[in-house]
Amino acid sequence: MSHPMRKELMRIFRFNGFMLVYSTVSLLTFGWMAFEFGRAPKDVPLWPAGDVVWIVATAIMLMASILFVGSFIRNPSLPGMPDKMATQKPFGVYKVTRHPMMWSFAMWGVAHILVAARPDNFIFSGAFIFLALAGAKAQEIKKARLVGVEWDAWLRQTSFGLRLGQLGRVGIGPFAAGLTLWLGASWAHGYFAGFPAGVFGYL
């Protein structure tokens, strides 16, 4: 959404139309990716996914879930949100990073590469990592141009990278919601992906 054609597309479609077009293109391309990923040859993994790897990946997914759900709470970067919110002190998951949603996608990619270190998965999950972090940087460039001084203040108070030591200070709400999402997604993994994930792999 931060590409050079955004301004012209917004002029043509207006805000709601642009969001509809963007969402449609995103869903179609994601569906295509998922379809081709399912058809791609499954080579021998570069390393085995033993207990240690699964524990690390499971912990990463829990952190990603907390960041994801917390990113919906007063996110100054969401489309249509008042830019004046960027002048507030960091709160919730924004104490960890100013791009919690983008980092949750990137961490999802890392966790899935760890447990399935195949060439097809390096491409599929690696695409999420690249698009999330490159998209976060592009978003910052766009915000700096549109918001200016207020956005600069937000940059000085927050971190692009992860301050994982701050996870304990995000609040009970994001933690409880993230834990619920993590458990639900781990349970559903067995039905949609064909094999259990997270703690359900040991039950």
N, C-alpha and C. Protein backbone atom coordinates (compact mmCIF):
# COMPACT_ATOMS: atom_id res chain seq x y z
N MET A 1 0.81 -1.21 0.00
CA MET A 1 0.00 0.00 0.00
C MET A 1 0.84 1.26 0.00
N SER A 2 2.14 1.11 0.06
CA SER A 2 3.02 2.28 0.12
C SER A 2 3.78 2.49 -1.18
N HIS A 3 3.35 1.82 -2.25
CA HIS A 3 4.09 1.92 -3.51
C HIS A 3 3.82 3.26 -4.19
N PRO A 4 4.62 3.66 -5.17
CA PRO A 4 4.48 4.97 -5.81
C PRO A 4 3.14 5.20 -6.50
N MET A 5 2.43 4.12 -6.87
CA MET A 5 1.15 4.28 -7.57
C MET A 5 -0.01 4.53 -6.62
N ARG A 6 0.24 4.48 -5.32
CA ARG A 6 -0.84 4.61 -4.33
C ARG A 6 -1.64 5.90 -4.52
N LYS A 7 -0.94 7.02 -4.67
CA LYS A 7 -1.63 8.32 -4.75
C LYS A 7 -2.59 8.35 -5.93
N GLU A 8 -2.15 7.87 -7.09
CA GLU A 8 -2.99 7.89 -8.28
C GLU A 8 -4.16 6.92 -8.12
N LEU A 9 -3.90 5.76 -7.54
CA LEU A 9 -4.99 4.80 -7.32
C LEU A 9 -6.02 5.34 -6.34
N MET A 10 -5.55 6.04 -5.31
CA MET A 10 -6.47 6.65 -4.34
C MET A 10 -7.34 7.71 -5.03
N ARG A 11 -6.75 8.45 -5.97
CA ARG A 11 -7.50 9.49 -6.69
C ARG A 11 -8.59 8.85 -7.55
N ILE A 12 -8.25 7.72 -8.17
CA ILE A 12 -9.20 7.06 -9.07
C ILE A 12 -10.31 6.35 -8.31
N PHE A 13 -9.93 5.58 -7.31
CA PHE A 13 -10.90 4.72 -6.62
C PHE A 13 -11.45 5.31 -5.31
N ARG A 14 -10.86 6.39 -4.83
CA ARG A 14 -11.18 6.93 -3.50
C ARG A 14 -10.74 5.91 -2.44
N PHE A 15 -10.89 6.28 -1.17
CA PHE A 15 -10.34 5.44 -0.10
C PHE A 15 -10.99 4.06 -0.05
N ASN A 16 -12.30 4.01 0.01
CA ASN A 16 -12.99 2.72 0.14
C ASN A 16 -12.77 1.84 -1.09
N GLY A 17 -12.81 2.44 -2.26
CA GLY A 17 -12.57 1.68 -3.48
C GLY A 17 -11.15 1.14 -3.54
N PHE A 18 -10.21 1.97 -3.11
CA PHE A 18 -8.81 1.53 -3.10
C PHE A 18 -8.64 0.34 -2.15
N MET A 19 -9.24 0.41 -0.95
CA MET A 19 -9.13 -0.68 0.01
C MET A 19 -9.74 -1.95 -0.55
N LEU A 20 -10.85 -1.82 -1.28
CA LEU A 20 -11.50 -3.00 -1.88
C LEU A 20 -10.60 -3.61 -2.94
N VAL A 21 -10.05 -2.78 -3.82
CA VAL A 21 -9.16 -3.28 -4.88
C VAL A 21 -7.92 -3.92 -4.27
N TYR A 22 -7.33 -3.24 -3.30
CA TYR A 22 -6.11 -3.76 -2.66
C TYR A 22 -6.39 -5.11 -1.99
N SER A 23 -7.50 -5.19 -1.25
CA SER A 23 -7.84 -6.44 -0.55
C SER A 23 -8.08 -7.57 -1.54
N THR A 24 -8.76 -7.26 -2.64
CA THR A 24 -9.05 -8.28 -3.65
C THR A 24 -7.76 -8.81 -4.27
N VAL A 25 -6.87 -7.90 -4.66
CA VAL A 25 -5.59 -8.31 -5.25
C VAL A 25 -4.78 -9.13 -4.24
N SER A 26 -4.78 -8.70 -2.98
CA SER A 26 -4.02 -9.41 -1.94
C SER A 26 -4.53 -10.83 -1.75
N LEU A 27 -5.86 -10.99 -1.68
CA LEU A 27 -6.45 -12.31 -1.47
C LEU A 27 -6.19 -13.23 -2.67
N LEU A 28 -6.31 -12.68 -3.87
CA LEU A 28 -6.09 -13.49 -5.07
C LEU A 28 -4.64 -13.94 -5.18
N THR A 29 -3.70 -13.03 -4.94
CA THR A 29 -2.29 -13.41 -5.04
C THR A 29 -1.89 -14.36 -3.92
N PHE A 30 -2.44 -14.16 -2.71
CA PHE A 30 -2.15 -15.09 -1.62
C PHE A 30 -2.71 -16.47 -1.94
N GLY A 31 -3.94 -16.51 -2.47
CA GLY A 31 -4.52 -17.79 -2.84
C GLY A 31 -3.70 -18.50 -3.89
N TRP A 32 -3.21 -17.76 -4.85
CA TRP A 32 -2.35 -18.33 -5.90
C TRP A 32 -1.06 -18.88 -5.29
N MET A 33 -0.45 -18.10 -4.40
CA MET A 33 0.77 -18.57 -3.72
C MET A 33 0.52 -19.88 -2.98
N ALA A 34 -0.58 -19.91 -2.21
CA ALA A 34 -0.89 -21.10 -1.42
C ALA A 34 -1.15 -22.31 -2.32
N PHE A 35 -1.84 -22.09 -3.43
CA PHE A 35 -2.12 -23.17 -4.37
C PHE A 35 -0.83 -23.73 -4.96
N GLU A 36 0.06 -22.85 -5.42
CA GLU A 36 1.32 -23.30 -6.02
C GLU A 36 2.24 -23.92 -4.97
N PHE A 37 2.18 -23.42 -3.74
CA PHE A 37 2.97 -24.01 -2.66
C PHE A 37 2.55 -25.46 -2.42
N GLY A 38 1.25 -25.69 -2.48
CA GLY A 38 0.75 -27.06 -2.30
C GLY A 38 1.18 -27.99 -3.41
N ARG A 39 1.39 -27.45 -4.63
CA ARG A 39 1.79 -28.27 -5.77
C ARG A 39 3.30 -28.43 -5.90
N ALA A 40 4.06 -27.58 -5.22
CA ALA A 40 5.52 -27.58 -5.38
C ALA A 40 6.12 -28.88 -4.84
N PRO A 41 7.22 -29.36 -5.44
CA PRO A 41 7.89 -30.57 -4.94
C PRO A 41 8.36 -30.36 -3.50
N LYS A 42 8.21 -31.37 -2.68
CA LYS A 42 8.62 -31.32 -1.27
C LYS A 42 9.95 -32.05 -1.12
N ASP A 43 11.05 -31.29 -1.21
CA ASP A 43 12.38 -31.87 -1.08
C ASP A 43 12.68 -32.23 0.38
N VAL A 44 13.78 -32.95 0.57
CA VAL A 44 14.22 -33.31 1.91
C VAL A 44 14.64 -32.03 2.65
N PRO A 45 14.17 -31.82 3.89
CA PRO A 45 14.54 -30.61 4.64
C PRO A 45 16.05 -30.50 4.84
N LEU A 46 16.54 -29.28 4.93
CA LEU A 46 17.97 -29.05 5.13
C LEU A 46 18.40 -29.43 6.54
N TRP A 47 17.47 -29.41 7.49
CA TRP A 47 17.75 -29.87 8.85
C TRP A 47 16.48 -30.49 9.42
N PRO A 48 16.63 -31.43 10.37
CA PRO A 48 15.45 -32.09 10.95
C PRO A 48 14.73 -31.16 11.92
N ALA A 49 13.42 -31.31 12.00
CA ALA A 49 12.61 -30.53 12.92
C ALA A 49 12.42 -31.33 14.20
N GLY A 50 13.46 -31.33 15.05
CA GLY A 50 13.39 -32.05 16.31
C GLY A 50 12.65 -31.25 17.37
N ASP A 51 12.66 -31.77 18.59
CA ASP A 51 11.93 -31.12 19.69
C ASP A 51 12.41 -29.70 19.94
N VAL A 52 13.71 -29.49 19.91
CA VAL A 52 14.24 -28.15 20.19
C VAL A 52 13.74 -27.15 19.15
N VAL A 53 13.77 -27.55 17.88
CA VAL A 53 13.30 -26.67 16.80
C VAL A 53 11.82 -26.35 16.98
N TRP A 54 11.02 -27.36 17.32
CA TRP A 54 9.59 -27.14 17.50
C TRP A 54 9.32 -26.23 18.70
N ILE A 55 10.08 -26.40 19.77
CA ILE A 55 9.89 -25.54 20.95
C ILE A 55 10.20 -24.09 20.61
N VAL A 56 11.30 -23.87 19.89
CA VAL A 56 11.68 -22.50 19.50
C VAL A 56 10.62 -21.91 18.58
N ALA A 57 10.18 -22.68 17.58
CA ALA A 57 9.17 -22.19 16.65
C ALA A 57 7.85 -21.90 17.36
N THR A 58 7.49 -22.74 18.32
CA THR A 58 6.25 -22.54 19.07
C THR A 58 6.32 -21.26 19.90
N ALA A 59 7.47 -21.01 20.52
CA ALA A 59 7.65 -19.78 21.30
C ALA A 59 7.58 -18.55 20.40
N ILE A 60 8.17 -18.65 19.21
CA ILE A 60 8.12 -17.53 18.26
C ILE A 60 6.68 -17.26 17.86
N MET A 61 5.89 -18.30 17.62
CA MET A 61 4.50 -18.12 17.22
C MET A 61 3.67 -17.51 18.34
N LEU A 62 3.97 -17.83 19.59
CA LEU A 62 3.26 -17.21 20.70
C LEU A 62 3.54 -15.71 20.73
N MET A 63 4.81 -15.33 20.59
CA MET A 63 5.16 -13.92 20.57
C MET A 63 4.52 -13.21 19.39
N ALA A 64 4.51 -13.88 18.23
CA ALA A 64 3.89 -13.30 17.04
C ALA A 64 2.40 -13.09 17.24
N SER A 65 1.74 -14.03 17.92
CA SER A 65 0.31 -13.91 18.17
C SER A 65 0.00 -12.71 19.07
N ILE A 66 0.83 -12.51 20.09
CA ILE A 66 0.64 -11.37 20.99
C ILE A 66 0.82 -10.06 20.24
N LEU A 67 1.85 -9.98 19.40
CA LEU A 67 2.08 -8.77 18.62
C LEU A 67 0.94 -8.51 17.65
N PHE A 68 0.44 -9.58 17.02
CA PHE A 68 -0.62 -9.43 16.01
C PHE A 68 -1.90 -8.87 16.63
N VAL A 69 -2.39 -9.49 17.68
CA VAL A 69 -3.65 -9.01 18.27
C VAL A 69 -3.47 -7.64 18.90
N GLY A 70 -2.30 -7.40 19.47
CA GLY A 70 -2.04 -6.09 20.09
C GLY A 70 -1.95 -4.97 19.08
N SER A 71 -1.64 -5.31 17.82
CA SER A 71 -1.47 -4.29 16.79
C SER A 71 -2.79 -3.61 16.41
N PHE A 72 -3.92 -4.20 16.80
CA PHE A 72 -5.22 -3.61 16.47
C PHE A 72 -5.68 -2.59 17.51
N ILE A 73 -4.92 -2.45 18.58
CA ILE A 73 -5.29 -1.52 19.64
C ILE A 73 -4.66 -0.16 19.38
N ARG A 74 -5.45 0.78 18.91
CA ARG A 74 -5.03 2.17 18.68
C ARG A 74 -3.77 2.24 17.82
N ASN A 75 -3.77 1.51 16.73
CA ASN A 75 -2.61 1.47 15.83
C ASN A 75 -2.58 2.74 14.96
N PRO A 76 -1.57 3.61 15.12
CA PRO A 76 -1.51 4.84 14.34
C PRO A 76 -1.16 4.61 12.88
N SER A 77 -0.79 3.38 12.53
CA SER A 77 -0.40 3.09 11.14
C SER A 77 -1.52 2.47 10.32
N LEU A 78 -2.64 2.10 10.96
CA LEU A 78 -3.74 1.49 10.22
C LEU A 78 -4.39 2.53 9.32
N PRO A 79 -4.86 2.11 8.14
CA PRO A 79 -5.53 3.05 7.23
C PRO A 79 -6.72 3.73 7.91
N GLY A 80 -6.80 5.04 7.76
CA GLY A 80 -7.92 5.79 8.31
C GLY A 80 -7.77 6.21 9.75
N MET A 81 -6.70 5.77 10.44
CA MET A 81 -6.50 6.16 11.82
C MET A 81 -5.93 7.58 11.88
N PRO A 82 -6.30 8.37 12.90
CA PRO A 82 -5.79 9.74 13.01
C PRO A 82 -4.28 9.75 13.21
N ASP A 83 -3.59 10.50 12.39
CA ASP A 83 -2.14 10.54 12.50
C ASP A 83 -1.68 11.20 13.80
N LYS A 84 -2.56 11.97 14.45
CA LYS A 84 -2.16 12.63 15.69
C LYS A 84 -1.83 11.61 16.78
N MET A 85 -2.31 10.36 16.61
CA MET A 85 -2.00 9.33 17.60
C MET A 85 -0.52 9.03 17.64
N ALA A 86 0.20 9.36 16.59
CA ALA A 86 1.64 9.10 16.54
C ALA A 86 2.40 9.92 17.55
N THR A 87 1.75 10.93 18.14
CA THR A 87 2.43 11.75 19.13
C THR A 87 2.29 11.16 20.54
N GLN A 88 1.52 10.11 20.71
CA GLN A 88 1.33 9.52 22.03
C GLN A 88 2.55 8.71 22.45
N LYS A 89 2.63 8.48 23.74
CA LYS A 89 3.68 7.62 24.28
C LYS A 89 3.43 6.19 23.84
N PRO A 90 4.50 5.39 23.66
CA PRO A 90 4.30 3.98 23.28
C PRO A 90 3.43 3.25 24.29
N PHE A 91 2.55 2.40 23.83
CA PHE A 91 1.64 1.67 24.70
C PHE A 91 1.52 0.24 24.19
N GLY A 92 1.17 -0.69 25.06
CA GLY A 92 0.95 -2.07 24.66
C GLY A 92 2.12 -2.66 23.88
N VAL A 93 1.80 -3.29 22.76
CA VAL A 93 2.84 -3.95 21.96
C VAL A 93 3.77 -2.95 21.26
N TYR A 94 3.40 -1.67 21.27
CA TYR A 94 4.26 -0.66 20.64
C TYR A 94 5.48 -0.35 21.50
N LYS A 95 5.51 -0.89 22.71
CA LYS A 95 6.73 -0.85 23.51
C LYS A 95 7.76 -1.84 22.98
N VAL A 96 7.28 -2.84 22.26
CA VAL A 96 8.16 -3.86 21.67
C VAL A 96 8.68 -3.39 20.32
N THR A 97 7.77 -2.91 19.47
CA THR A 97 8.13 -2.42 18.13
C THR A 97 7.00 -1.54 17.62
N ARG A 98 7.32 -0.59 16.75
CA ARG A 98 6.27 0.24 16.17
C ARG A 98 5.58 -0.45 15.00
N HIS A 99 6.04 -1.66 14.65
CA HIS A 99 5.43 -2.42 13.56
C HIS A 99 5.05 -3.82 14.05
N PRO A 100 4.19 -3.92 15.06
CA PRO A 100 3.87 -5.25 15.62
C PRO A 100 3.21 -6.19 14.63
N MET A 101 2.30 -5.66 13.78
CA MET A 101 1.64 -6.55 12.82
C MET A 101 2.63 -7.07 11.80
N MET A 102 3.47 -6.19 11.25
CA MET A 102 4.45 -6.61 10.25
C MET A 102 5.42 -7.63 10.84
N TRP A 103 5.87 -7.38 12.06
CA TRP A 103 6.79 -8.32 12.69
C TRP A 103 6.11 -9.66 12.99
N SER A 104 4.82 -9.64 13.28
CA SER A 104 4.12 -10.91 13.53
C SER A 104 4.12 -11.76 12.27
N PHE A 105 3.94 -11.12 11.08
CA PHE A 105 4.00 -11.86 9.83
C PHE A 105 5.39 -12.42 9.58
N ALA A 106 6.41 -11.58 9.85
CA ALA A 106 7.79 -12.02 9.64
C ALA A 106 8.14 -13.18 10.57
N MET A 107 7.70 -13.09 11.82
CA MET A 107 7.98 -14.17 12.79
C MET A 107 7.25 -15.44 12.41
N TRP A 108 6.04 -15.30 11.85
CA TRP A 108 5.32 -16.47 11.33
C TRP A 108 6.16 -17.16 10.27
N GLY A 109 6.75 -16.37 9.37
CA GLY A 109 7.59 -16.94 8.32
C GLY A 109 8.80 -17.65 8.87
N VAL A 110 9.46 -17.03 9.86
CA VAL A 110 10.65 -17.63 10.47
C VAL A 110 10.30 -18.95 11.14
N ALA A 111 9.21 -18.97 11.91
CA ALA A 111 8.81 -20.19 12.62
C ALA A 111 8.53 -21.33 11.65
N HIS A 112 7.88 -21.02 10.54
CA HIS A 112 7.53 -22.08 9.58
C HIS A 112 8.74 -22.54 8.78
N ILE A 113 9.70 -21.68 8.56
CA ILE A 113 10.94 -22.12 7.92
C ILE A 113 11.72 -23.04 8.84
N LEU A 114 11.71 -22.73 10.14
CA LEU A 114 12.45 -23.55 11.10
C LEU A 114 11.96 -25.00 11.10
N VAL A 115 10.64 -25.19 11.04
CA VAL A 115 10.09 -26.55 11.14
C VAL A 115 9.95 -27.23 9.79
N ALA A 116 10.13 -26.50 8.71
CA ALA A 116 10.03 -27.09 7.37
C ALA A 116 11.07 -26.42 6.48
N ALA A 117 12.32 -26.79 6.68
CA ALA A 117 13.43 -26.13 5.99
C ALA A 117 13.64 -26.69 4.58
N ARG A 118 12.60 -26.55 3.76
CA ARG A 118 12.67 -27.02 2.38
C ARG A 118 12.76 -25.83 1.43
N PRO A 119 13.31 -26.03 0.23
CA PRO A 119 13.41 -24.91 -0.73
C PRO A 119 12.07 -24.26 -1.04
N ASP A 120 10.99 -25.07 -1.18
CA ASP A 120 9.69 -24.47 -1.48
C ASP A 120 9.21 -23.57 -0.35
N ASN A 121 9.52 -23.98 0.90
CA ASN A 121 9.08 -23.19 2.05
C ASN A 121 9.96 -21.96 2.25
N PHE A 122 11.24 -22.05 1.86
CA PHE A 122 12.09 -20.86 1.92
C PHE A 122 11.49 -19.77 1.03
N ILE A 123 10.96 -20.17 -0.12
CA ILE A 123 10.37 -19.20 -1.04
C ILE A 123 9.03 -18.69 -0.50
N PHE A 124 8.16 -19.62 -0.06
CA PHE A 124 6.81 -19.26 0.38
C PHE A 124 6.86 -18.42 1.67
N SER A 125 7.46 -18.98 2.72
CA SER A 125 7.51 -18.26 3.99
C SER A 125 8.49 -17.09 3.94
N GLY A 126 9.55 -17.26 3.15
CA GLY A 126 10.51 -16.17 3.00
C GLY A 126 9.88 -14.95 2.37
N ALA A 127 8.89 -15.16 1.50
CA ALA A 127 8.20 -14.03 0.88
C ALA A 127 7.47 -13.20 1.93
N PHE A 128 6.89 -13.87 2.94
CA PHE A 128 6.20 -13.15 4.00
C PHE A 128 7.19 -12.32 4.82
N ILE A 129 8.35 -12.89 5.09
CA ILE A 129 9.36 -12.17 5.86
C ILE A 129 9.80 -10.92 5.12
N PHE A 130 10.11 -11.09 3.83
CA PHE A 130 10.58 -9.96 3.03
C PHE A 130 9.51 -8.88 2.89
N LEU A 131 8.29 -9.29 2.52
CA LEU A 131 7.22 -8.32 2.30
C LEU A 131 6.85 -7.59 3.59
N ALA A 132 6.88 -8.29 4.72
CA ALA A 132 6.53 -7.66 5.99
C ALA A 132 7.53 -6.58 6.36
N LEU A 133 8.82 -6.91 6.31
CA LEU A 133 9.83 -5.97 6.77
C LEU A 133 10.09 -4.87 5.74
N ALA A 134 10.09 -5.23 4.45
CA ALA A 134 10.23 -4.20 3.42
C ALA A 134 9.00 -3.30 3.41
N GLY A 135 7.83 -3.89 3.64
CA GLY A 135 6.61 -3.10 3.71
C GLY A 135 6.60 -2.15 4.88
N ALA A 136 7.14 -2.60 6.01
CA ALA A 136 7.22 -1.73 7.19
C ALA A 136 8.12 -0.52 6.91
N LYS A 137 9.22 -0.75 6.23
CA LYS A 137 10.12 0.35 5.89
C LYS A 137 9.46 1.31 4.90
N ALA A 138 8.78 0.77 3.91
CA ALA A 138 8.08 1.61 2.93
C ALA A 138 6.99 2.43 3.61
N GLN A 139 6.33 1.82 4.60
CA GLN A 139 5.29 2.52 5.35
C GLN A 139 5.88 3.71 6.10
N GLU A 140 7.06 3.53 6.65
CA GLU A 140 7.71 4.62 7.38
C GLU A 140 8.05 5.78 6.45
N ILE A 141 8.52 5.45 5.26
CA ILE A 141 8.85 6.50 4.28
C ILE A 141 7.59 7.28 3.91
N LYS A 142 6.47 6.55 3.72
CA LYS A 142 5.21 7.19 3.38
C LYS A 142 4.73 8.09 4.52
N LYS A 143 4.78 7.56 5.76
CA LYS A 143 4.32 8.32 6.91
C LYS A 143 5.16 9.58 7.13
N ALA A 144 6.46 9.46 6.92
CA ALA A 144 7.34 10.61 7.09
C ALA A 144 6.96 11.72 6.13
N ARG A 145 6.55 11.34 4.93
CA ARG A 145 6.16 12.32 3.92
C ARG A 145 4.80 12.93 4.23
N LEU A 146 3.87 12.11 4.74
CA LEU A 146 2.50 12.59 4.96
C LEU A 146 2.32 13.28 6.30
N VAL A 147 3.02 12.80 7.33
CA VAL A 147 2.78 13.29 8.68
C VAL A 147 3.88 14.25 9.14
N GLY A 148 5.12 13.92 8.83
CA GLY A 148 6.22 14.83 9.15
C GLY A 148 6.63 14.81 10.60
N VAL A 149 6.53 15.97 11.27
CA VAL A 149 7.08 16.14 12.62
C VAL A 149 6.47 15.17 13.61
N GLU A 150 5.15 14.96 13.54
CA GLU A 150 4.50 14.06 14.49
C GLU A 150 5.02 12.63 14.34
N TRP A 151 5.24 12.22 13.11
CA TRP A 151 5.76 10.87 12.88
C TRP A 151 7.20 10.76 13.37
N ASP A 152 7.99 11.81 13.21
CA ASP A 152 9.36 11.81 13.70
C ASP A 152 9.39 11.61 15.21
N ALA A 153 8.44 12.21 15.91
CA ALA A 153 8.36 12.03 17.36
C ALA A 153 8.06 10.58 17.72
N TRP A 154 7.19 9.95 16.94
CA TRP A 154 6.85 8.54 17.17
C TRP A 154 8.08 7.65 16.92
N LEU A 155 8.88 7.98 15.90
CA LEU A 155 10.08 7.20 15.60
C LEU A 155 11.07 7.26 16.75
N ARG A 156 11.20 8.43 17.36
CA ARG A 156 12.18 8.59 18.45
C ARG A 156 11.78 7.81 19.69
N GLN A 157 10.48 7.55 19.86
CA GLN A 157 10.01 6.87 21.06
C GLN A 157 9.89 5.37 20.90
N THR A 158 9.96 4.90 19.67
CA THR A 158 9.73 3.48 19.40
C THR A 158 10.89 2.88 18.62
N SER A 159 10.81 1.57 18.40
CA SER A 159 11.88 0.85 17.71
C SER A 159 11.34 0.14 16.47
N PHE A 160 12.11 0.20 15.38
CA PHE A 160 11.73 -0.58 14.20
C PHE A 160 11.90 -2.06 14.50
N GLY A 161 13.01 -2.42 15.14
CA GLY A 161 13.27 -3.81 15.49
C GLY A 161 12.50 -4.24 16.72
N LEU A 162 12.78 -5.45 17.19
CA LEU A 162 12.06 -6.03 18.31
C LEU A 162 12.80 -5.80 19.63
N ARG A 163 12.10 -5.27 20.60
CA ARG A 163 12.60 -5.18 21.98
C ARG A 163 11.86 -6.24 22.78
N LEU A 164 12.30 -7.48 22.65
CA LEU A 164 11.56 -8.60 23.24
C LEU A 164 11.49 -8.51 24.76
N GLY A 165 12.43 -7.80 25.37
CA GLY A 165 12.39 -7.62 26.81
C GLY A 165 11.17 -6.85 27.28
N GLN A 166 10.51 -6.14 26.35
CA GLN A 166 9.32 -5.36 26.70
C GLN A 166 8.02 -6.16 26.59
N LEU A 167 8.11 -7.42 26.17
CA LEU A 167 6.89 -8.22 26.02
C LEU A 167 6.13 -8.37 27.34
N GLY A 168 6.85 -8.37 28.44
CA GLY A 168 6.21 -8.48 29.74
C GLY A 168 5.45 -7.25 30.16
N ARG A 169 5.55 -6.18 29.37
CA ARG A 169 4.90 -4.91 29.72
C ARG A 169 3.79 -4.53 28.74
N VAL A 170 3.37 -5.47 27.90
CA VAL A 170 2.35 -5.12 26.89
C VAL A 170 0.95 -5.05 27.48
N GLY A 171 0.75 -5.62 28.65
CA GLY A 171 -0.57 -5.59 29.27
C GLY A 171 -1.26 -6.94 29.20
N ILE A 172 -2.20 -7.15 30.10
CA ILE A 172 -2.88 -8.44 30.18
C ILE A 172 -3.79 -8.69 28.98
N GLY A 173 -4.38 -7.62 28.43
CA GLY A 173 -5.29 -7.77 27.29
C GLY A 173 -4.63 -8.39 26.07
N PRO A 174 -3.56 -7.75 25.53
CA PRO A 174 -2.88 -8.33 24.37
C PRO A 174 -2.30 -9.72 24.66
N PHE A 175 -1.80 -9.91 25.88
CA PHE A 175 -1.22 -11.22 26.21
C PHE A 175 -2.29 -12.30 26.22
N ALA A 176 -3.43 -12.03 26.87
CA ALA A 176 -4.50 -13.03 26.95
C ALA A 176 -5.09 -13.31 25.56
N ALA A 177 -5.30 -12.25 24.77
CA ALA A 177 -5.86 -12.44 23.42
C ALA A 177 -4.86 -13.17 22.53
N GLY A 178 -3.57 -12.83 22.66
CA GLY A 178 -2.54 -13.51 21.87
C GLY A 178 -2.43 -14.98 22.24
N LEU A 179 -2.51 -15.27 23.53
CA LEU A 179 -2.46 -16.66 23.99
C LEU A 179 -3.65 -17.45 23.44
N THR A 180 -4.82 -16.83 23.42
CA THR A 180 -6.02 -17.48 22.89
C THR A 180 -5.87 -17.76 21.40
N LEU A 181 -5.38 -16.76 20.66
CA LEU A 181 -5.16 -16.95 19.23
C LEU A 181 -4.15 -18.05 18.98
N TRP A 182 -3.07 -18.05 19.73
CA TRP A 182 -2.00 -19.03 19.59
C TRP A 182 -2.52 -20.45 19.83
N LEU A 183 -3.29 -20.63 20.89
CA LEU A 183 -3.86 -21.95 21.19
C LEU A 183 -4.85 -22.38 20.12
N GLY A 184 -5.71 -21.44 19.70
CA GLY A 184 -6.71 -21.77 18.68
C GLY A 184 -6.08 -22.13 17.34
N ALA A 185 -5.07 -21.34 16.93
CA ALA A 185 -4.41 -21.60 15.65
C ALA A 185 -3.62 -22.90 15.71
N SER A 186 -3.00 -23.18 16.85
CA SER A 186 -2.24 -24.43 17.00
C SER A 186 -3.17 -25.63 16.92
N TRP A 187 -4.33 -25.52 17.55
CA TRP A 187 -5.31 -26.61 17.51
C TRP A 187 -5.83 -26.80 16.09
N ALA A 188 -6.16 -25.70 15.40
CA ALA A 188 -6.73 -25.78 14.05
C ALA A 188 -5.71 -26.27 13.03
N HIS A 189 -4.43 -26.12 13.34
CA HIS A 189 -3.38 -26.52 12.42
C HIS A 189 -3.50 -27.99 12.03
N GLY A 190 -3.88 -28.80 12.99
CA GLY A 190 -4.01 -30.23 12.73
C GLY A 190 -5.08 -30.55 11.71
N TYR A 191 -6.12 -29.71 11.64
CA TYR A 191 -7.22 -29.96 10.70
C TYR A 191 -6.94 -29.38 9.32
N PHE A 192 -6.34 -28.20 9.29
CA PHE A 192 -6.14 -27.53 8.01
C PHE A 192 -4.81 -27.87 7.34
N ALA A 193 -3.79 -28.17 8.13
CA ALA A 193 -2.48 -28.49 7.56
C ALA A 193 -2.19 -29.99 7.57
N GLY A 194 -2.99 -30.74 8.30
CA GLY A 194 -2.82 -32.19 8.29
C GLY A 194 -1.92 -32.75 9.37
N PHE A 195 -1.31 -31.86 10.19
CA PHE A 195 -0.49 -32.36 11.30
C PHE A 195 -0.54 -31.33 12.42
N PRO A 196 -0.46 -31.79 13.69
CA PRO A 196 -0.59 -30.88 14.83
C PRO A 196 0.61 -29.94 14.96
N ALA A 197 0.37 -28.83 15.62
CA ALA A 197 1.44 -27.85 15.81
C ALA A 197 1.44 -27.38 17.26
N GLY A 198 2.58 -26.81 17.67
CA GLY A 198 2.68 -26.25 19.03
C GLY A 198 2.50 -27.30 20.09
N VAL A 199 1.83 -26.91 21.17
CA VAL A 199 1.66 -27.84 22.30
C VAL A 199 0.81 -29.04 21.93
N PHE A 200 -0.05 -28.91 20.90
CA PHE A 200 -0.92 -30.02 20.52
C PHE A 200 -0.14 -31.14 19.83
N GLY A 201 1.10 -30.87 19.44
CA GLY A 201 1.94 -31.91 18.88
C GLY A 201 2.44 -32.89 19.92
N TYR A 202 2.25 -32.51 21.21
CA TYR A 202 2.73 -33.36 22.29
C TYR A 202 1.59 -33.97 23.09
N LEU A 203 0.36 -33.70 22.65
CA LEU A 203 -0.80 -34.24 23.38
C LEU A 203 -1.30 -35.53 22.76
